[in-house]
Amino acid sequence: MGSYVEINDTLQITKEQGFPKELDWRQHLKIPYTAEQFKDKIFEFKDKPNIRNYQMPPVRNFLVENIDGKWLYWGLIHIIEVKHDYINKTTSGKFKIIYINKSEEMEMTHNLIDRNKDTFFKL
């Protein structure tokens, strides 16, 4: 008897799952956001499929926006709370933004750590 638990270093979510509505990549290209703008804000995500655990602070996790199956690497976060729903097999939680990538870093991060051409989001 056993169970399956996934360990992640990346929170990859859609707007419906709680990706911050305050972050819009088109706006970010015009006037870049900074983590300082969100230093006191706690964001929530919900209904991430499967039971997942994330790196605990002070270790960072990547924040990725899933846009129609393409991944946009926004920056770094600290996961500060995780809740597991064992009936529905989903994970929800809370996070704080600790760094927001500059626009050139968004694509660079995907190229350096992900390299999956099928999920690459071209700005």
PDB file of N, CA and C in Angstrom:
ATOM      1  N   MET A   1       0.847  -1.158   0.000  1.00  0.00           N
ATOM      2  CA  MET A   1       0.000   0.000   0.000  1.00  0.00           C
ATOM      3  C   MET A   1       0.898   1.227   0.000  1.00  0.00           C
ATOM      4  N   GLY A   2       0.522   2.254  -0.769  1.00  0.00           N
ATOM      5  CA  GLY A   2       1.325   3.459  -0.836  1.00  0.00           C
ATOM      6  C   GLY A   2       0.521   4.605  -1.395  1.00  0.00           C
ATOM      7  N   SER A   3       1.193   5.711  -1.590  1.00  0.00           N
ATOM      8  CA  SER A   3       0.527   6.871  -2.151  1.00  0.00           C
ATOM      9  C   SER A   3       1.496   7.607  -3.057  1.00  0.00           C
ATOM     10  N   TYR A   4       0.949   8.459  -3.891  1.00  0.00           N
ATOM     11  CA  TYR A   4       1.722   9.228  -4.855  1.00  0.00           C
ATOM     12  C   TYR A   4       1.711  10.690  -4.435  1.00  0.00           C
ATOM     13  N   VAL A   5       2.890  11.272  -4.259  1.00  0.00           N
ATOM     14  CA  VAL A   5       3.025  12.689  -3.943  1.00  0.00           C
ATOM     15  C   VAL A   5       4.062  13.268  -4.889  1.00  0.00           C
ATOM     16  N   GLU A   6       3.722  14.396  -5.491  1.00  0.00           N
ATOM     17  CA  GLU A   6       4.620  15.053  -6.430  1.00  0.00           C
ATOM     18  C   GLU A   6       5.326  16.208  -5.722  1.00  0.00           C
ATOM     19  N   ILE A   7       6.628  16.318  -5.916  1.00  0.00           N
ATOM     20  CA  ILE A   7       7.396  17.420  -5.341  1.00  0.00           C
ATOM     21  C   ILE A   7       7.791  18.358  -6.472  1.00  0.00           C
ATOM     22  N   ASN A   8       7.451  19.630  -6.332  1.00  0.00           N
ATOM     23  CA  ASN A   8       7.668  20.621  -7.383  1.00  0.00           C
ATOM     24  C   ASN A   8       8.572  21.752  -6.925  1.00  0.00           C
ATOM     25  N   ASP A   9       9.245  22.370  -7.906  1.00  0.00           N
ATOM     26  CA  ASP A   9       9.941  23.631  -7.660  1.00  0.00           C
ATOM     27  C   ASP A   9       9.330  24.723  -8.521  1.00  0.00           C
ATOM     28  N   THR A  10       8.203  24.400  -9.172  1.00  0.00           N
ATOM     29  CA  THR A  10       7.542  25.325 -10.086  1.00  0.00           C
ATOM     30  C   THR A  10       6.043  25.325  -9.813  1.00  0.00           C
ATOM     31  N   LEU A  11       5.494  26.516  -9.587  1.00  0.00           N
ATOM     32  CA  LEU A  11       4.053  26.675  -9.499  1.00  0.00           C
ATOM     33  C   LEU A  11       3.586  27.181 -10.851  1.00  0.00           C
ATOM     34  N   GLN A  12       3.040  26.287 -11.630  1.00  0.00           N
ATOM     35  CA  GLN A  12       2.578  26.585 -12.986  1.00  0.00           C
ATOM     36  C   GLN A  12       1.056  26.551 -12.944  1.00  0.00           C
ATOM     37  N   ILE A  13       0.442  27.749 -13.077  1.00  0.00           N
ATOM     38  CA  ILE A  13      -0.997  27.861 -12.929  1.00  0.00           C
ATOM     39  C   ILE A  13      -1.602  28.788 -13.974  1.00  0.00           C
ATOM     40  N   THR A  14      -2.890  28.608 -14.188  1.00  0.00           N
ATOM     41  CA  THR A  14      -3.673  29.462 -15.083  1.00  0.00           C
ATOM     42  C   THR A  14      -4.313  30.590 -14.273  1.00  0.00           C
ATOM     43  N   LYS A  15      -4.891  31.534 -14.966  1.00  0.00           N
ATOM     44  CA  LYS A  15      -5.638  32.600 -14.283  1.00  0.00           C
ATOM     45  C   LYS A  15      -6.764  31.988 -13.451  1.00  0.00           C
ATOM     46  N   GLU A  16      -7.428  30.945 -13.989  1.00  0.00           N
ATOM     47  CA  GLU A  16      -8.531  30.304 -13.274  1.00  0.00           C
ATOM     48  C   GLU A  16      -8.059  29.626 -11.984  1.00  0.00           C
ATOM     49  N   GLN A  17      -6.823  29.169 -11.980  1.00  0.00           N
ATOM     50  CA  GLN A  17      -6.267  28.516 -10.791  1.00  0.00           C
ATOM     51  C   GLN A  17      -5.676  29.518  -9.805  1.00  0.00           C
ATOM     52  N   GLY A  18      -5.615  30.777 -10.195  1.00  0.00           N
ATOM     53  CA  GLY A  18      -5.156  31.803  -9.266  1.00  0.00           C
ATOM     54  C   GLY A  18      -3.908  32.552  -9.683  1.00  0.00           C
ATOM     55  N   PHE A  19      -3.488  32.423 -10.953  1.00  0.00           N
ATOM     56  CA  PHE A  19      -2.358  33.249 -11.365  1.00  0.00           C
ATOM     57  C   PHE A  19      -2.765  34.709 -11.165  1.00  0.00           C
ATOM     58  N   PRO A  20      -1.892  35.524 -10.561  1.00  0.00           N
ATOM     59  CA  PRO A  20      -2.267  36.904 -10.209  1.00  0.00           C
ATOM     60  C   PRO A  20      -2.796  37.712 -11.393  1.00  0.00           C
ATOM     61  N   LYS A  21      -4.020  38.183 -11.239  1.00  0.00           N
ATOM     62  CA  LYS A  21      -4.629  39.011 -12.282  1.00  0.00           C
ATOM     63  C   LYS A  21      -3.889  40.338 -12.427  1.00  0.00           C
ATOM     64  N   GLU A  22      -3.147  40.710 -11.370  1.00  0.00           N
ATOM     65  CA  GLU A  22      -2.375  41.961 -11.404  1.00  0.00           C
ATOM     66  C   GLU A  22      -1.203  41.892 -12.381  1.00  0.00           C
ATOM     67  N   LEU A  23      -0.809  40.679 -12.787  1.00  0.00           N
ATOM     68  CA  LEU A  23       0.329  40.517 -13.698  1.00  0.00           C
ATOM     69  C   LEU A  23      -0.173  40.259 -15.113  1.00  0.00           C
ATOM     70  N   ASP A  24       0.107  41.200 -15.984  1.00  0.00           N
ATOM     71  CA  ASP A  24      -0.277  41.089 -17.390  1.00  0.00           C
ATOM     72  C   ASP A  24       0.994  41.252 -18.222  1.00  0.00           C
ATOM     73  N   TRP A  25       1.340  40.249 -19.015  1.00  0.00           N
ATOM     74  CA  TRP A  25       2.626  40.278 -19.717  1.00  0.00           C
ATOM     75  C   TRP A  25       2.708  41.422 -20.722  1.00  0.00           C
ATOM     76  N   ARG A  26       1.583  41.796 -21.337  1.00  0.00           N
ATOM     77  CA  ARG A  26       1.620  42.905 -22.302  1.00  0.00           C
ATOM     78  C   ARG A  26       1.983  44.218 -21.595  1.00  0.00           C
ATOM     79  N   GLN A  27       1.386  44.419 -20.427  1.00  0.00           N
ATOM     80  CA  GLN A  27       1.689  45.611 -19.633  1.00  0.00           C
ATOM     81  C   GLN A  27       3.138  45.574 -19.139  1.00  0.00           C
ATOM     82  N   HIS A  28       3.593  44.376 -18.754  1.00  0.00           N
ATOM     83  CA  HIS A  28       4.958  44.199 -18.245  1.00  0.00           C
ATOM     84  C   HIS A  28       5.998  44.579 -19.306  1.00  0.00           C
ATOM     85  N   LEU A  29       5.680  44.339 -20.573  1.00  0.00           N
ATOM     86  CA  LEU A  29       6.599  44.722 -21.653  1.00  0.00           C
ATOM     87  C   LEU A  29       6.701  46.241 -21.784  1.00  0.00           C
ATOM     88  N   LYS A  30       5.615  46.941 -21.461  1.00  0.00           N
ATOM     89  CA  LYS A  30       5.602  48.409 -21.558  1.00  0.00           C
ATOM     90  C   LYS A  30       6.229  49.059 -20.326  1.00  0.00           C
ATOM     91  N   ILE A  31       5.703  48.679 -19.172  1.00  0.00           N
ATOM     92  CA  ILE A  31       6.188  49.210 -17.890  1.00  0.00           C
ATOM     93  C   ILE A  31       6.410  48.010 -16.971  1.00  0.00           C
ATOM     94  N   PRO A  32       7.666  47.606 -16.801  1.00  0.00           N
ATOM     95  CA  PRO A  32       7.956  46.381 -16.028  1.00  0.00           C
ATOM     96  C   PRO A  32       7.496  46.466 -14.576  1.00  0.00           C
ATOM     97  N   TYR A  33       6.928  45.354 -14.110  1.00  0.00           N
ATOM     98  CA  TYR A  33       6.581  45.215 -12.697  1.00  0.00           C
ATOM     99  C   TYR A  33       7.859  44.897 -11.917  1.00  0.00           C
ATOM    100  N   THR A  34       7.810  45.155 -10.618  1.00  0.00           N
ATOM    101  CA  THR A  34       8.886  44.741  -9.724  1.00  0.00           C
ATOM    102  C   THR A  34       8.264  43.999  -8.546  1.00  0.00           C
ATOM    103  N   ALA A  35       9.047  43.162  -7.907  1.00  0.00           N
ATOM    104  CA  ALA A  35       8.566  42.433  -6.736  1.00  0.00           C
ATOM    105  C   ALA A  35       8.189  43.401  -5.612  1.00  0.00           C
ATOM    106  N   GLU A  36       8.869  44.520  -5.558  1.00  0.00           N
ATOM    107  CA  GLU A  36       8.595  45.527  -4.527  1.00  0.00           C
ATOM    108  C   GLU A  36       7.129  45.977  -4.554  1.00  0.00           C
ATOM    109  N   GLN A  37       6.536  46.015  -5.734  1.00  0.00           N
ATOM    110  CA  GLN A  37       5.136  46.419  -5.867  1.00  0.00           C
ATOM    111  C   GLN A  37       4.187  45.442  -5.161  1.00  0.00           C
ATOM    112  N   PHE A  38       4.633  44.214  -4.930  1.00  0.00           N
ATOM    113  CA  PHE A  38       3.772  43.168  -4.377  1.00  0.00           C
ATOM    114  C   PHE A  38       4.303  42.617  -3.054  1.00  0.00           C
ATOM    115  N   LYS A  39       5.211  43.342  -2.401  1.00  0.00           N
ATOM    116  CA  LYS A  39       5.922  42.806  -1.239  1.00  0.00           C
ATOM    117  C   LYS A  39       5.009  42.417  -0.085  1.00  0.00           C
ATOM    118  N   ASP A  40       3.884  43.085   0.087  1.00  0.00           N
ATOM    119  CA  ASP A  40       2.981  42.771   1.190  1.00  0.00           C
ATOM    120  C   ASP A  40       1.753  41.973   0.751  1.00  0.00           C
ATOM    121  N   LYS A  41       1.725  41.544  -0.492  1.00  0.00           N
ATOM    122  CA  LYS A  41       0.563  40.850  -1.054  1.00  0.00           C
ATOM    123  C   LYS A  41       0.752  39.339  -0.968  1.00  0.00           C
ATOM    124  N   ILE A  42      -0.281  38.663  -0.522  1.00  0.00           N
ATOM    125  CA  ILE A  42      -0.293  37.201  -0.509  1.00  0.00           C
ATOM    126  C   ILE A  42      -1.301  36.749  -1.552  1.00  0.00           C
ATOM    127  N   PHE A  43      -0.848  35.883  -2.453  1.00  0.00           N
ATOM    128  CA  PHE A  43      -1.685  35.366  -3.529  1.00  0.00           C
ATOM    129  C   PHE A  43      -2.124  33.947  -3.206  1.00  0.00           C
ATOM    130  N   GLU A  44      -3.262  33.552  -3.748  1.00  0.00           N
ATOM    131  CA  GLU A  44      -3.770  32.206  -3.535  1.00  0.00           C
ATOM    132  C   GLU A  44      -3.911  31.473  -4.860  1.00  0.00           C
ATOM    133  N   PHE A  45      -3.634  30.176  -4.825  1.00  0.00           N
ATOM    134  CA  PHE A  45      -3.918  29.323  -5.977  1.00  0.00           C
ATOM    135  C   PHE A  45      -4.796  28.178  -5.496  1.00  0.00           C
ATOM    136  N   LYS A  46      -5.510  27.563  -6.443  1.00  0.00           N
ATOM    137  CA  LYS A  46      -6.455  26.515  -6.060  1.00  0.00           C
ATOM    138  C   LYS A  46      -6.579  25.464  -7.157  1.00  0.00           C
ATOM    139  N   ASP A  47      -6.977  24.294  -6.722  1.00  0.00           N
ATOM    140  CA  ASP A  47      -7.345  23.203  -7.625  1.00  0.00           C
ATOM    141  C   ASP A  47      -6.243  22.801  -8.602  1.00  0.00           C
ATOM    142  N   LYS A  48      -4.997  22.863  -8.157  1.00  0.00           N
ATOM    143  CA  LYS A  48      -3.883  22.343  -8.965  1.00  0.00           C
ATOM    144  C   LYS A  48      -4.002  20.819  -8.934  1.00  0.00           C
ATOM    145  N   PRO A  49      -4.101  20.166 -10.093  1.00  0.00           N
ATOM    146  CA  PRO A  49      -4.283  18.709 -10.094  1.00  0.00           C
ATOM    147  C   PRO A  49      -3.148  17.970  -9.386  1.00  0.00           C
ATOM    148  N   ASN A  50      -3.496  16.920  -8.707  1.00  0.00           N
ATOM    149  CA  ASN A  50      -2.594  16.028  -7.987  1.00  0.00           C
ATOM    150  C   ASN A  50      -2.178  16.619  -6.633  1.00  0.00           C
ATOM    151  N   ILE A  51      -1.685  15.761  -5.799  1.00  0.00           N
ATOM    152  CA  ILE A  51      -1.176  16.160  -4.493  1.00  0.00           C
ATOM    153  C   ILE A  51       0.283  16.545  -4.692  1.00  0.00           C
ATOM    154  N   ARG A  52       0.597  17.801  -4.384  1.00  0.00           N
ATOM    155  CA  ARG A  52       1.927  18.342  -4.648  1.00  0.00           C
ATOM    156  C   ARG A  52       2.491  19.003  -3.406  1.00  0.00           C
ATOM    157  N   ASN A  53       3.784  18.911  -3.274  1.00  0.00           N
ATOM    158  CA  ASN A  53       4.518  19.665  -2.265  1.00  0.00           C
ATOM    159  C   ASN A  53       5.487  20.571  -2.999  1.00  0.00           C
ATOM    160  N   TYR A  54       5.819  21.685  -2.382  1.00  0.00           N
ATOM    161  CA  TYR A  54       6.715  22.664  -2.991  1.00  0.00           C
ATOM    162  C   TYR A  54       7.888  22.936  -2.062  1.00  0.00           C
ATOM    163  N   GLN A  55       8.927  23.538  -2.617  1.00  0.00           N
ATOM    164  CA  GLN A  55      10.074  23.928  -1.815  1.00  0.00           C
ATOM    165  C   GLN A  55       9.609  24.909  -0.735  1.00  0.00           C
ATOM    166  N   MET A  56      10.140  24.738   0.473  1.00  0.00           N
ATOM    167  CA  MET A  56       9.756  25.614   1.584  1.00  0.00           C
ATOM    168  C   MET A  56      10.712  26.801   1.686  1.00  0.00           C
ATOM    169  N   PRO A  57      10.181  27.991   2.079  1.00  0.00           N
ATOM    170  CA  PRO A  57      11.070  29.128   2.276  1.00  0.00           C
ATOM    171  C   PRO A  57      12.157  28.777   3.286  1.00  0.00           C
ATOM    172  N   PRO A  58      13.351  29.241   3.062  1.00  0.00           N
ATOM    173  CA  PRO A  58      13.748  30.307   2.149  1.00  0.00           C
ATOM    174  C   PRO A  58      14.082  29.834   0.737  1.00  0.00           C
ATOM    175  N   VAL A  59      13.814  28.581   0.406  1.00  0.00           N
ATOM    176  CA  VAL A  59      14.074  28.086  -0.952  1.00  0.00           C
ATOM    177  C   VAL A  59      12.975  28.596  -1.874  1.00  0.00           C
ATOM    178  N   ARG A  60      13.367  29.044  -3.035  1.00  0.00           N
ATOM    179  CA  ARG A  60      12.439  29.630  -3.994  1.00  0.00           C
ATOM    180  C   ARG A  60      11.756  28.555  -4.840  1.00  0.00           C
ATOM    181  N   ASN A  61      10.611  28.966  -5.409  1.00  0.00           N
ATOM    182  CA  ASN A  61       9.914  28.210  -6.441  1.00  0.00           C
ATOM    183  C   ASN A  61       9.753  29.143  -7.630  1.00  0.00           C
ATOM    184  N   PHE A  62       9.652  28.586  -8.820  1.00  0.00           N
ATOM    185  CA  PHE A  62       9.399  29.394 -10.010  1.00  0.00           C
ATOM    186  C   PHE A  62       7.898  29.657 -10.121  1.00  0.00           C
ATOM    187  N   LEU A  63       7.522  30.866 -10.554  1.00  0.00           N
ATOM    188  CA  LEU A  63       6.132  31.196 -10.845  1.00  0.00           C
ATOM    189  C   LEU A  63       5.962  31.219 -12.354  1.00  0.00           C
ATOM    190  N   VAL A  64       5.079  30.351 -12.844  1.00  0.00           N
ATOM    191  CA  VAL A  64       4.862  30.209 -14.277  1.00  0.00           C
ATOM    192  C   VAL A  64       3.380  30.381 -14.584  1.00  0.00           C
ATOM    193  N   GLU A  65       3.091  31.259 -15.541  1.00  0.00           N
ATOM    194  CA  GLU A  65       1.719  31.410 -16.010  1.00  0.00           C
ATOM    195  C   GLU A  65       1.501  30.459 -17.173  1.00  0.00           C
ATOM    196  N   ASN A  66       0.472  29.633 -17.057  1.00  0.00           N
ATOM    197  CA  ASN A  66       0.085  28.733 -18.148  1.00  0.00           C
ATOM    198  C   ASN A  66      -0.931  29.481 -19.002  1.00  0.00           C
ATOM    199  N   ILE A  67      -0.520  29.802 -20.225  1.00  0.00           N
ATOM    200  CA  ILE A  67      -1.374  30.524 -21.168  1.00  0.00           C
ATOM    201  C   ILE A  67      -1.655  29.590 -22.336  1.00  0.00           C
ATOM    202  N   ASP A  68      -2.814  28.968 -22.316  1.00  0.00           N
ATOM    203  CA  ASP A  68      -3.206  28.032 -23.380  1.00  0.00           C
ATOM    204  C   ASP A  68      -2.159  26.944 -23.607  1.00  0.00           C
ATOM    205  N   GLY A  69      -1.616  26.410 -22.518  1.00  0.00           N
ATOM    206  CA  GLY A  69      -0.646  25.320 -22.608  1.00  0.00           C
ATOM    207  C   GLY A  69       0.797  25.767 -22.800  1.00  0.00           C
ATOM    208  N   LYS A  70       1.012  27.057 -22.970  1.00  0.00           N
ATOM    209  CA  LYS A  70       2.370  27.609 -23.084  1.00  0.00           C
ATOM    210  C   LYS A  70       2.757  28.202 -21.737  1.00  0.00           C
ATOM    211  N   TRP A  71       4.033  28.085 -21.370  1.00  0.00           N
ATOM    212  CA  TRP A  71       4.503  28.492 -20.054  1.00  0.00           C
ATOM    213  C   TRP A  71       5.311  29.783 -20.132  1.00  0.00           C
ATOM    214  N   LEU A  72       4.893  30.775 -19.335  1.00  0.00           N
ATOM    215  CA  LEU A  72       5.612  32.040 -19.244  1.00  0.00           C
ATOM    216  C   LEU A  72       6.210  32.145 -17.846  1.00  0.00           C
ATOM    217  N   TYR A  73       7.530  32.180 -17.781  1.00  0.00           N
ATOM    218  CA  TYR A  73       8.267  32.209 -16.511  1.00  0.00           C
ATOM    219  C   TYR A  73       8.326  33.630 -15.970  1.00  0.00           C
ATOM    220  N   TRP A  74       7.509  33.914 -14.949  1.00  0.00           N
ATOM    221  CA  TRP A  74       7.386  35.249 -14.403  1.00  0.00           C
ATOM    222  C   TRP A  74       8.436  35.591 -13.379  1.00  0.00           C
ATOM    223  N   GLY A  75       8.884  34.627 -12.611  1.00  0.00           N
ATOM    224  CA  GLY A  75       9.866  34.964 -11.589  1.00  0.00           C
ATOM    225  C   GLY A  75       9.901  33.943 -10.477  1.00  0.00           C
ATOM    226  N   LEU A  76      10.174  34.433  -9.270  1.00  0.00           N
ATOM    227  CA  LEU A  76      10.383  33.557  -8.120  1.00  0.00           C
ATOM    228  C   LEU A  76       9.396  33.879  -7.012  1.00  0.00           C
ATOM    229  N   ILE A  77       8.990  32.830  -6.303  1.00  0.00           N
ATOM    230  CA  ILE A  77       8.035  32.972  -5.214  1.00  0.00           C
ATOM    231  C   ILE A  77       8.453  32.123  -4.028  1.00  0.00           C
ATOM    232  N   HIS A  78       7.856  32.424  -2.885  1.00  0.00           N
ATOM    233  CA  HIS A  78       7.908  31.549  -1.726  1.00  0.00           C
ATOM    234  C   HIS A  78       6.498  31.006  -1.525  1.00  0.00           C
ATOM    235  N   ILE A  79       6.367  29.708  -1.473  1.00  0.00           N
ATOM    236  CA  ILE A  79       5.097  29.079  -1.124  1.00  0.00           C
ATOM    237  C   ILE A  79       4.992  29.172   0.397  1.00  0.00           C
ATOM    238  N   ILE A  80       3.926  29.759   0.888  1.00  0.00           N
ATOM    239  CA  ILE A  80       3.803  29.951   2.337  1.00  0.00           C
ATOM    240  C   ILE A  80       2.709  29.081   2.962  1.00  0.00           C
ATOM    241  N   GLU A  81       1.910  28.450   2.130  1.00  0.00           N
ATOM    242  CA  GLU A  81       0.879  27.554   2.661  1.00  0.00           C
ATOM    243  C   GLU A  81       0.451  26.584   1.569  1.00  0.00           C
ATOM    244  N   VAL A  82       0.219  25.344   1.948  1.00  0.00           N
ATOM    245  CA  VAL A  82      -0.269  24.325   1.020  1.00  0.00           C
ATOM    246  C   VAL A  82      -1.403  23.565   1.688  1.00  0.00           C
ATOM    247  N   LYS A  83      -2.476  23.329   0.944  1.00  0.00           N
ATOM    248  CA  LYS A  83      -3.608  22.524   1.416  1.00  0.00           C
ATOM    249  C   LYS A  83      -3.865  21.424   0.400  1.00  0.00           C
ATOM    250  N   HIS A  84      -4.032  20.221   0.892  1.00  0.00           N
ATOM    251  CA  HIS A  84      -4.305  19.075   0.026  1.00  0.00           C
ATOM    252  C   HIS A  84      -5.748  18.622   0.198  1.00  0.00           C
ATOM    253  N   ASP A  85      -6.409  18.390  -0.910  1.00  0.00           N
ATOM    254  CA  ASP A  85      -7.750  17.804  -0.915  1.00  0.00           C
ATOM    255  C   ASP A  85      -7.581  16.366  -1.393  1.00  0.00           C
ATOM    256  N   TYR A  86      -7.613  15.435  -0.449  1.00  0.00           N
ATOM    257  CA  TYR A  86      -7.346  14.040  -0.777  1.00  0.00           C
ATOM    258  C   TYR A  86      -8.511  13.367  -1.486  1.00  0.00           C
ATOM    259  N   ILE A  87      -9.699  13.910  -1.366  1.00  0.00           N
ATOM    260  CA  ILE A  87     -10.853  13.356  -2.072  1.00  0.00           C
ATOM    261  C   ILE A  87     -10.757  13.689  -3.563  1.00  0.00           C
ATOM    262  N   ASN A  88     -10.549  14.975  -3.864  1.00  0.00           N
ATOM    263  CA  ASN A  88     -10.484  15.430  -5.255  1.00  0.00           C
ATOM    264  C   ASN A  88      -9.078  15.381  -5.844  1.00  0.00           C
ATOM    265  N   LYS A  89      -8.104  15.042  -4.995  1.00  0.00           N
ATOM    266  CA  LYS A  89      -6.696  14.953  -5.411  1.00  0.00           C
ATOM    267  C   LYS A  89      -6.224  16.260  -6.057  1.00  0.00           C
ATOM    268  N   THR A  90      -6.386  17.357  -5.291  1.00  0.00           N
ATOM    269  CA  THR A  90      -5.925  18.667  -5.749  1.00  0.00           C
ATOM    270  C   THR A  90      -5.102  19.342  -4.653  1.00  0.00           C
ATOM    271  N   THR A  91      -4.336  20.337  -5.071  1.00  0.00           N
ATOM    272  CA  THR A  91      -3.521  21.127  -4.154  1.00  0.00           C
ATOM    273  C   THR A  91      -3.885  22.597  -4.320  1.00  0.00           C
ATOM    274  N   SER A  92      -3.999  23.289  -3.215  1.00  0.00           N
ATOM    275  CA  SER A  92      -4.245  24.725  -3.183  1.00  0.00           C
ATOM    276  C   SER A  92      -3.234  25.337  -2.221  1.00  0.00           C
ATOM    277  N   GLY A  93      -3.114  26.653  -2.241  1.00  0.00           N
ATOM    278  CA  GLY A  93      -2.178  27.254  -1.306  1.00  0.00           C
ATOM    279  C   GLY A  93      -2.033  28.745  -1.474  1.00  0.00           C
ATOM    280  N   LYS A  94      -0.991  29.277  -0.830  1.00  0.00           N
ATOM    281  CA  LYS A  94      -0.703  30.707  -0.854  1.00  0.00           C
ATOM    282  C   LYS A  94       0.779  30.922  -1.150  1.00  0.00           C
ATOM    283  N   PHE A  95       1.078  32.061  -1.779  1.00  0.00           N
ATOM    284  CA  PHE A  95       2.469  32.378  -2.103  1.00  0.00           C
ATOM    285  C   PHE A  95       2.704  33.874  -2.096  1.00  0.00           C
ATOM    286  N   LYS A  96       3.994  34.231  -1.975  1.00  0.00           N
ATOM    287  CA  LYS A  96       4.448  35.615  -2.051  1.00  0.00           C
ATOM    288  C   LYS A  96       5.453  35.716  -3.194  1.00  0.00           C
ATOM    289  N   ILE A  97       5.375  36.792  -3.931  1.00  0.00           N
ATOM    290  CA  ILE A  97       6.331  37.047  -5.010  1.00  0.00           C
ATOM    291  C   ILE A  97       7.604  37.629  -4.408  1.00  0.00           C
ATOM    292  N   ILE A  98       8.757  37.030  -4.752  1.00  0.00           N
ATOM    293  CA  ILE A  98      10.031  37.550  -4.239  1.00  0.00           C
ATOM    294  C   ILE A  98      10.905  38.138  -5.346  1.00  0.00           C
ATOM    295  N   TYR A  99      10.605  37.818  -6.609  1.00  0.00           N
ATOM    296  CA  TYR A  99      11.350  38.402  -7.726  1.00  0.00           C
ATOM    297  C   TYR A  99      10.498  38.287  -8.985  1.00  0.00           C
ATOM    298  N   ILE A 100      10.475  39.350  -9.785  1.00  0.00           N
ATOM    299  CA  ILE A 100       9.795  39.313 -11.081  1.00  0.00           C
ATOM    300  C   ILE A 100      10.842  39.468 -12.164  1.00  0.00           C
ATOM    301  N   ASN A 101      10.828  38.534 -13.106  1.00  0.00           N
ATOM    302  CA  ASN A 101      11.780  38.566 -14.222  1.00  0.00           C
ATOM    303  C   ASN A 101      11.562  39.797 -15.088  1.00  0.00           C
ATOM    304  N   LYS A 102      12.657  40.342 -15.576  1.00  0.00           N
ATOM    305  CA  LYS A 102      12.573  41.342 -16.634  1.00  0.00           C
ATOM    306  C   LYS A 102      12.117  40.600 -17.896  1.00  0.00           C
ATOM    307  N   SER A 103      11.590  41.311 -18.872  1.00  0.00           N
ATOM    308  CA  SER A 103      11.027  40.639 -20.049  1.00  0.00           C
ATOM    309  C   SER A 103      12.041  39.725 -20.744  1.00  0.00           C
ATOM    310  N   GLU A 104      13.287  40.153 -20.835  1.00  0.00           N
ATOM    311  CA  GLU A 104      14.290  39.304 -21.489  1.00  0.00           C
ATOM    312  C   GLU A 104      14.607  38.061 -20.651  1.00  0.00           C
ATOM    313  N   GLU A 105      14.448  38.169 -19.338  1.00  0.00           N
ATOM    314  CA  GLU A 105      14.688  37.016 -18.467  1.00  0.00           C
ATOM    315  C   GLU A 105      13.566  35.979 -18.563  1.00  0.00           C
ATOM    316  N   MET A 106      12.364  36.413 -18.948  1.00  0.00           N
ATOM    317  CA  MET A 106      11.227  35.491 -19.027  1.00  0.00           C
ATOM    318  C   MET A 106      11.506  34.376 -20.041  1.00  0.00           C
ATOM    319  N   GLU A 107      11.918  34.743 -21.230  1.00  0.00           N
ATOM    320  CA  GLU A 107      12.234  33.737 -22.254  1.00  0.00           C
ATOM    321  C   GLU A 107      13.534  33.020 -21.926  1.00  0.00           C
ATOM    322  N   MET A 108      14.504  33.747 -21.388  1.00  0.00           N
ATOM    323  CA  MET A 108      15.790  33.162 -21.037  1.00  0.00           C
ATOM    324  C   MET A 108      15.622  32.048 -19.999  1.00  0.00           C
ATOM    325  N   THR A 109      14.755  32.277 -19.014  1.00  0.00           N
ATOM    326  CA  THR A 109      14.528  31.277 -17.977  1.00  0.00           C
ATOM    327  C   THR A 109      13.984  29.995 -18.591  1.00  0.00           C
ATOM    328  N   HIS A 110      13.028  30.116 -19.490  1.00  0.00           N
ATOM    329  CA  HIS A 110      12.493  28.920 -20.154  1.00  0.00           C
ATOM    330  C   HIS A 110      13.606  28.202 -20.908  1.00  0.00           C
ATOM    331  N   ASN A 111      14.411  28.953 -21.627  1.00  0.00           N
ATOM    332  CA  ASN A 111      15.490  28.349 -22.417  1.00  0.00           C
ATOM    333  C   ASN A 111      16.554  27.682 -21.548  1.00  0.00           C
ATOM    334  N   LEU A 112      16.789  28.212 -20.353  1.00  0.00           N
ATOM    335  CA  LEU A 112      17.822  27.658 -19.478  1.00  0.00           C
ATOM    336  C   LEU A 112      17.356  26.460 -18.667  1.00  0.00           C
ATOM    337  N   ILE A 113      16.146  26.523 -18.117  1.00  0.00           N
ATOM    338  CA  ILE A 113      15.754  25.460 -17.190  1.00  0.00           C
ATOM    339  C   ILE A 113      14.676  24.520 -17.707  1.00  0.00           C
ATOM    340  N   ASP A 114      13.935  24.924 -18.713  1.00  0.00           N
ATOM    341  CA  ASP A 114      12.814  24.116 -19.181  1.00  0.00           C
ATOM    342  C   ASP A 114      13.140  23.410 -20.495  1.00  0.00           C
ATOM    343  N   ARG A 115      13.378  24.187 -21.507  1.00  0.00           N
ATOM    344  CA  ARG A 115      13.794  23.715 -22.832  1.00  0.00           C
ATOM    345  C   ARG A 115      12.757  22.883 -23.584  1.00  0.00           C
ATOM    346  N   ASN A 116      11.520  22.870 -23.103  1.00  0.00           N
ATOM    347  CA  ASN A 116      10.467  22.137 -23.804  1.00  0.00           C
ATOM    348  C   ASN A 116       9.872  23.052 -24.863  1.00  0.00           C
ATOM    349  N   LYS A 117      10.162  22.793 -26.116  1.00  0.00           N
ATOM    350  CA  LYS A 117       9.715  23.678 -27.194  1.00  0.00           C
ATOM    351  C   LYS A 117       8.189  23.707 -27.314  1.00  0.00           C
ATOM    352  N   ASP A 118       7.522  22.657 -26.831  1.00  0.00           N
ATOM    353  CA  ASP A 118       6.062  22.601 -26.910  1.00  0.00           C
ATOM    354  C   ASP A 118       5.377  23.537 -25.922  1.00  0.00           C
ATOM    355  N   THR A 119       6.068  23.926 -24.850  1.00  0.00           N
ATOM    356  CA  THR A 119       5.459  24.816 -23.860  1.00  0.00           C
ATOM    357  C   THR A 119       6.045  26.223 -23.878  1.00  0.00           C
ATOM    358  N   PHE A 120       6.930  26.515 -24.810  1.00  0.00           N
ATOM    359  CA  PHE A 120       7.597  27.822 -24.866  1.00  0.00           C
ATOM    360  C   PHE A 120       6.596  28.909 -25.246  1.00  0.00           C
ATOM    361  N   PHE A 121       6.496  29.961 -24.414  1.00  0.00           N
ATOM    362  CA  PHE A 121       5.657  31.118 -24.700  1.00  0.00           C
ATOM    363  C   PHE A 121       6.521  32.217 -25.269  1.00  0.00           C
ATOM    364  N   LYS A 122       6.286  32.584 -26.512  1.00  0.00           N
ATOM    365  CA  LYS A 122       7.059  33.626 -27.181  1.00  0.00           C
ATOM    366  C   LYS A 122       6.422  34.979 -26.914  1.00  0.00           C
ATOM    367  N   LEU A 123       7.194  35.889 -26.320  1.00  0.00           N
ATOM    368  CA  LEU A 123       6.692  37.237 -26.058  1.00  0.00           C
ATOM    369  C   LEU A 123       6.591  38.023 -27.348  1.00  0.00           C
TER     370      LEU A 123
END
